[in-house]
Amino acid sequence: MVEVKKKDGESFESLLRRFNRKIQQSGVLVRARKIRFYEPGKSRNLLRVDALRRAENREKREELKKLGKLPVTPPKFKRR
């Protein structure tokens, strides 16, 4: 926990500068940025269920393409 107390006659700007410097030196921001978007890993069972669902959807799409019920769309992005 970073704590900064205002000195006598110190302006708010200099207090804020000191606070920012202390935060940078303590590494609090670095740790906060590391854990900001952390997602715990999924269990093997959930990974398997997701893979099966994707495979099933892929098969359905391919079948609809073959039957002509699903329009074949060109790729959205061109490779250079």
N, C-alpha and C. Protein backbone atom coordinates (compact mmCIF):
# COMPACT_ATOMS: atom_id res chain seq x y z
N MET A 1 0.85 -1.17 0.00
CA MET A 1 0.00 0.00 0.00
C MET A 1 0.90 1.23 0.00
N VAL A 2 0.68 2.09 -0.97
CA VAL A 2 1.49 3.30 -1.09
C VAL A 2 0.76 4.43 -0.37
N GLU A 3 1.50 5.13 0.47
CA GLU A 3 0.91 6.22 1.23
C GLU A 3 1.82 7.43 1.15
N VAL A 4 1.23 8.59 0.84
CA VAL A 4 1.98 9.83 0.74
C VAL A 4 1.22 10.88 1.53
N LYS A 5 1.93 11.57 2.44
CA LYS A 5 1.30 12.62 3.23
C LYS A 5 1.78 13.97 2.75
N LYS A 6 0.89 14.92 2.76
CA LYS A 6 1.21 16.26 2.26
C LYS A 6 2.14 16.97 3.24
N LYS A 7 3.20 17.54 2.69
CA LYS A 7 4.14 18.30 3.51
C LYS A 7 3.64 19.73 3.64
N ASP A 8 4.18 20.46 4.61
CA ASP A 8 3.76 21.85 4.81
C ASP A 8 4.14 22.68 3.59
N GLY A 9 3.16 23.41 3.07
CA GLY A 9 3.40 24.31 1.94
C GLY A 9 3.57 23.59 0.60
N GLU A 10 3.29 22.30 0.56
CA GLU A 10 3.45 21.55 -0.70
C GLU A 10 2.20 21.71 -1.55
N SER A 11 2.39 21.95 -2.83
CA SER A 11 1.25 22.10 -3.73
C SER A 11 0.68 20.73 -4.07
N PHE A 12 -0.55 20.74 -4.55
CA PHE A 12 -1.21 19.51 -4.92
C PHE A 12 -0.47 18.81 -6.06
N GLU A 13 0.03 19.62 -7.01
CA GLU A 13 0.74 19.04 -8.17
C GLU A 13 1.99 18.28 -7.73
N SER A 14 2.76 18.88 -6.81
CA SER A 14 3.98 18.19 -6.38
C SER A 14 3.63 16.95 -5.55
N LEU A 15 2.55 17.01 -4.77
CA LEU A 15 2.09 15.84 -4.02
C LEU A 15 1.69 14.73 -4.98
N LEU A 16 0.98 15.10 -6.03
CA LEU A 16 0.56 14.12 -7.02
C LEU A 16 1.76 13.51 -7.75
N ARG A 17 2.75 14.34 -8.04
CA ARG A 17 3.97 13.85 -8.68
C ARG A 17 4.70 12.84 -7.79
N ARG A 18 4.80 13.17 -6.50
CA ARG A 18 5.44 12.27 -5.55
C ARG A 18 4.69 10.94 -5.45
N PHE A 19 3.36 11.06 -5.41
CA PHE A 19 2.52 9.86 -5.34
C PHE A 19 2.73 8.98 -6.57
N ASN A 20 2.71 9.60 -7.76
CA ASN A 20 2.91 8.84 -8.99
C ASN A 20 4.27 8.15 -9.01
N ARG A 21 5.30 8.85 -8.55
CA ARG A 21 6.64 8.28 -8.51
C ARG A 21 6.67 7.07 -7.58
N LYS A 22 6.03 7.20 -6.40
CA LYS A 22 6.00 6.09 -5.43
C LYS A 22 5.27 4.88 -6.03
N ILE A 23 4.17 5.15 -6.73
CA ILE A 23 3.40 4.07 -7.35
C ILE A 23 4.27 3.34 -8.38
N GLN A 24 4.98 4.10 -9.21
CA GLN A 24 5.85 3.51 -10.23
C GLN A 24 6.93 2.66 -9.58
N GLN A 25 7.54 3.15 -8.52
CA GLN A 25 8.65 2.45 -7.88
C GLN A 25 8.18 1.19 -7.15
N SER A 26 6.95 1.22 -6.63
CA SER A 26 6.47 0.07 -5.86
C SER A 26 6.06 -1.09 -6.76
N GLY A 27 5.75 -0.82 -8.04
CA GLY A 27 5.35 -1.88 -8.95
C GLY A 27 3.88 -2.24 -8.87
N VAL A 28 3.09 -1.42 -8.22
CA VAL A 28 1.66 -1.70 -8.07
C VAL A 28 0.98 -1.70 -9.44
N LEU A 29 1.30 -0.73 -10.27
CA LEU A 29 0.67 -0.64 -11.59
C LEU A 29 1.03 -1.83 -12.47
N VAL A 30 2.26 -2.27 -12.40
CA VAL A 30 2.70 -3.41 -13.21
C VAL A 30 1.90 -4.64 -12.83
N ARG A 31 1.75 -4.88 -11.53
CA ARG A 31 0.98 -6.04 -11.08
C ARG A 31 -0.49 -5.92 -11.47
N ALA A 32 -1.05 -4.72 -11.34
CA ALA A 32 -2.45 -4.52 -11.67
C ALA A 32 -2.69 -4.76 -13.16
N ARG A 33 -1.76 -4.33 -14.01
CA ARG A 33 -1.93 -4.53 -15.44
C ARG A 33 -1.80 -6.01 -15.80
N LYS A 34 -0.95 -6.73 -15.08
CA LYS A 34 -0.79 -8.16 -15.36
C LYS A 34 -2.06 -8.94 -15.06
N ILE A 35 -2.71 -8.61 -13.95
CA ILE A 35 -3.89 -9.39 -13.56
C ILE A 35 -5.19 -8.80 -14.08
N ARG A 36 -5.13 -7.71 -14.80
CA ARG A 36 -6.35 -7.03 -15.24
C ARG A 36 -7.22 -7.92 -16.11
N PHE A 37 -6.63 -8.60 -17.06
CA PHE A 37 -7.40 -9.43 -17.99
C PHE A 37 -7.17 -10.92 -17.75
N TYR A 38 -6.81 -11.30 -16.54
CA TYR A 38 -6.55 -12.70 -16.24
C TYR A 38 -7.84 -13.49 -16.31
N GLU A 39 -7.76 -14.62 -16.99
CA GLU A 39 -8.88 -15.54 -17.02
C GLU A 39 -8.37 -16.90 -16.58
N PRO A 40 -9.00 -17.49 -15.59
CA PRO A 40 -8.55 -18.81 -15.17
C PRO A 40 -8.77 -19.82 -16.29
N GLY A 41 -7.90 -20.81 -16.38
CA GLY A 41 -8.01 -21.81 -17.43
C GLY A 41 -9.27 -22.65 -17.28
N LYS A 42 -9.78 -23.13 -18.42
CA LYS A 42 -10.98 -23.97 -18.38
C LYS A 42 -10.58 -25.40 -18.06
N SER A 43 -11.52 -26.13 -17.50
CA SER A 43 -11.26 -27.53 -17.19
C SER A 43 -11.22 -28.33 -18.49
N ARG A 44 -10.63 -29.51 -18.42
CA ARG A 44 -10.53 -30.36 -19.62
C ARG A 44 -11.91 -30.70 -20.16
N ASN A 45 -12.86 -30.91 -19.26
CA ASN A 45 -14.20 -31.27 -19.70
C ASN A 45 -14.83 -30.13 -20.49
N LEU A 46 -14.69 -28.90 -20.01
CA LEU A 46 -15.26 -27.76 -20.73
C LEU A 46 -14.57 -27.57 -22.08
N LEU A 47 -13.25 -27.76 -22.12
CA LEU A 47 -12.53 -27.65 -23.39
C LEU A 47 -13.04 -28.69 -24.38
N ARG A 48 -13.27 -29.91 -23.90
CA ARG A 48 -13.75 -30.98 -24.76
C ARG A 48 -15.15 -30.68 -25.28
N VAL A 49 -16.02 -30.19 -24.40
CA VAL A 49 -17.39 -29.86 -24.81
C VAL A 49 -17.38 -28.75 -25.85
N ASP A 50 -16.54 -27.73 -25.66
CA ASP A 50 -16.45 -26.65 -26.63
C ASP A 50 -15.95 -27.15 -27.98
N ALA A 51 -14.95 -28.02 -27.96
CA ALA A 51 -14.40 -28.56 -29.20
C ALA A 51 -15.45 -29.38 -29.93
N LEU A 52 -16.21 -30.19 -29.20
CA LEU A 52 -17.27 -30.99 -29.82
C LEU A 52 -18.35 -30.09 -30.44
N ARG A 53 -18.70 -29.03 -29.73
CA ARG A 53 -19.71 -28.10 -30.25
C ARG A 53 -19.23 -27.44 -31.53
N ARG A 54 -17.96 -27.00 -31.54
CA ARG A 54 -17.41 -26.36 -32.75
C ARG A 54 -17.37 -27.33 -33.92
N ALA A 55 -16.99 -28.58 -33.66
CA ALA A 55 -16.94 -29.59 -34.72
C ALA A 55 -18.33 -29.85 -35.27
N GLU A 56 -19.30 -29.91 -34.39
CA GLU A 56 -20.68 -30.15 -34.83
C GLU A 56 -21.19 -29.00 -35.68
N ASN A 57 -20.91 -27.76 -35.26
CA ASN A 57 -21.33 -26.60 -36.05
C ASN A 57 -20.64 -26.58 -37.41
N ARG A 58 -19.36 -26.95 -37.43
CA ARG A 58 -18.61 -26.98 -38.68
C ARG A 58 -19.24 -27.99 -39.65
N GLU A 59 -19.60 -29.17 -39.13
CA GLU A 59 -20.22 -30.19 -39.97
C GLU A 59 -21.56 -29.72 -40.52
N LYS A 60 -22.36 -29.06 -39.68
CA LYS A 60 -23.66 -28.56 -40.13
C LYS A 60 -23.49 -27.53 -41.24
N ARG A 61 -22.50 -26.63 -41.07
CA ARG A 61 -22.24 -25.61 -42.09
C ARG A 61 -21.82 -26.24 -43.41
N GLU A 62 -20.93 -27.22 -43.33
CA GLU A 62 -20.47 -27.89 -44.55
C GLU A 62 -21.63 -28.58 -45.26
N GLU A 63 -22.50 -29.22 -44.48
CA GLU A 63 -23.65 -29.91 -45.07
C GLU A 63 -24.58 -28.92 -45.76
N LEU A 64 -24.83 -27.78 -45.10
CA LEU A 64 -25.70 -26.77 -45.71
C LEU A 64 -25.07 -26.18 -46.97
N LYS A 65 -23.75 -26.04 -46.98
CA LYS A 65 -23.06 -25.55 -48.18
C LYS A 65 -23.25 -26.52 -49.34
N LYS A 66 -23.11 -27.81 -49.03
CA LYS A 66 -23.24 -28.83 -50.08
C LYS A 66 -24.66 -28.87 -50.63
N LEU A 67 -25.65 -28.64 -49.76
CA LEU A 67 -27.04 -28.64 -50.21
C LEU A 67 -27.41 -27.34 -50.90
N GLY A 68 -26.54 -26.34 -50.82
CA GLY A 68 -26.81 -25.06 -51.48
C GLY A 68 -27.72 -24.15 -50.67
N LYS A 69 -27.94 -24.45 -49.41
CA LYS A 69 -28.82 -23.64 -48.58
C LYS A 69 -28.05 -22.54 -47.85
N LEU A 70 -26.74 -22.61 -47.87
CA LEU A 70 -25.92 -21.62 -47.21
C LEU A 70 -25.07 -20.93 -48.27
N PRO A 71 -25.24 -19.63 -48.44
CA PRO A 71 -24.45 -18.97 -49.49
C PRO A 71 -22.96 -18.98 -49.13
N VAL A 72 -22.15 -19.21 -50.13
CA VAL A 72 -20.71 -19.21 -49.93
C VAL A 72 -20.25 -17.77 -49.97
N THR A 73 -19.71 -17.28 -48.86
CA THR A 73 -19.29 -15.89 -48.78
C THR A 73 -17.80 -15.79 -49.05
N PRO A 74 -17.39 -14.77 -49.78
CA PRO A 74 -15.95 -14.59 -50.00
C PRO A 74 -15.28 -14.16 -48.70
N PRO A 75 -13.98 -14.37 -48.59
CA PRO A 75 -13.28 -13.97 -47.36
C PRO A 75 -13.39 -12.47 -47.12
N LYS A 76 -13.49 -12.09 -45.87
CA LYS A 76 -13.68 -10.67 -45.53
C LYS A 76 -12.41 -9.86 -45.73
N PHE A 77 -11.26 -10.48 -45.51
CA PHE A 77 -10.00 -9.77 -45.61
C PHE A 77 -9.14 -10.38 -46.69
N LYS A 78 -8.54 -9.54 -47.49
CA LYS A 78 -7.68 -10.03 -48.55
C LYS A 78 -6.26 -10.13 -48.03
N ARG A 79 -5.58 -11.18 -48.41
CA ARG A 79 -4.17 -11.32 -48.04
C ARG A 79 -3.32 -10.54 -49.02
N ARG A 80 -2.28 -9.95 -48.54
CA ARG A 80 -1.40 -9.17 -49.40
C ARG A 80 -0.25 -9.98 -49.90
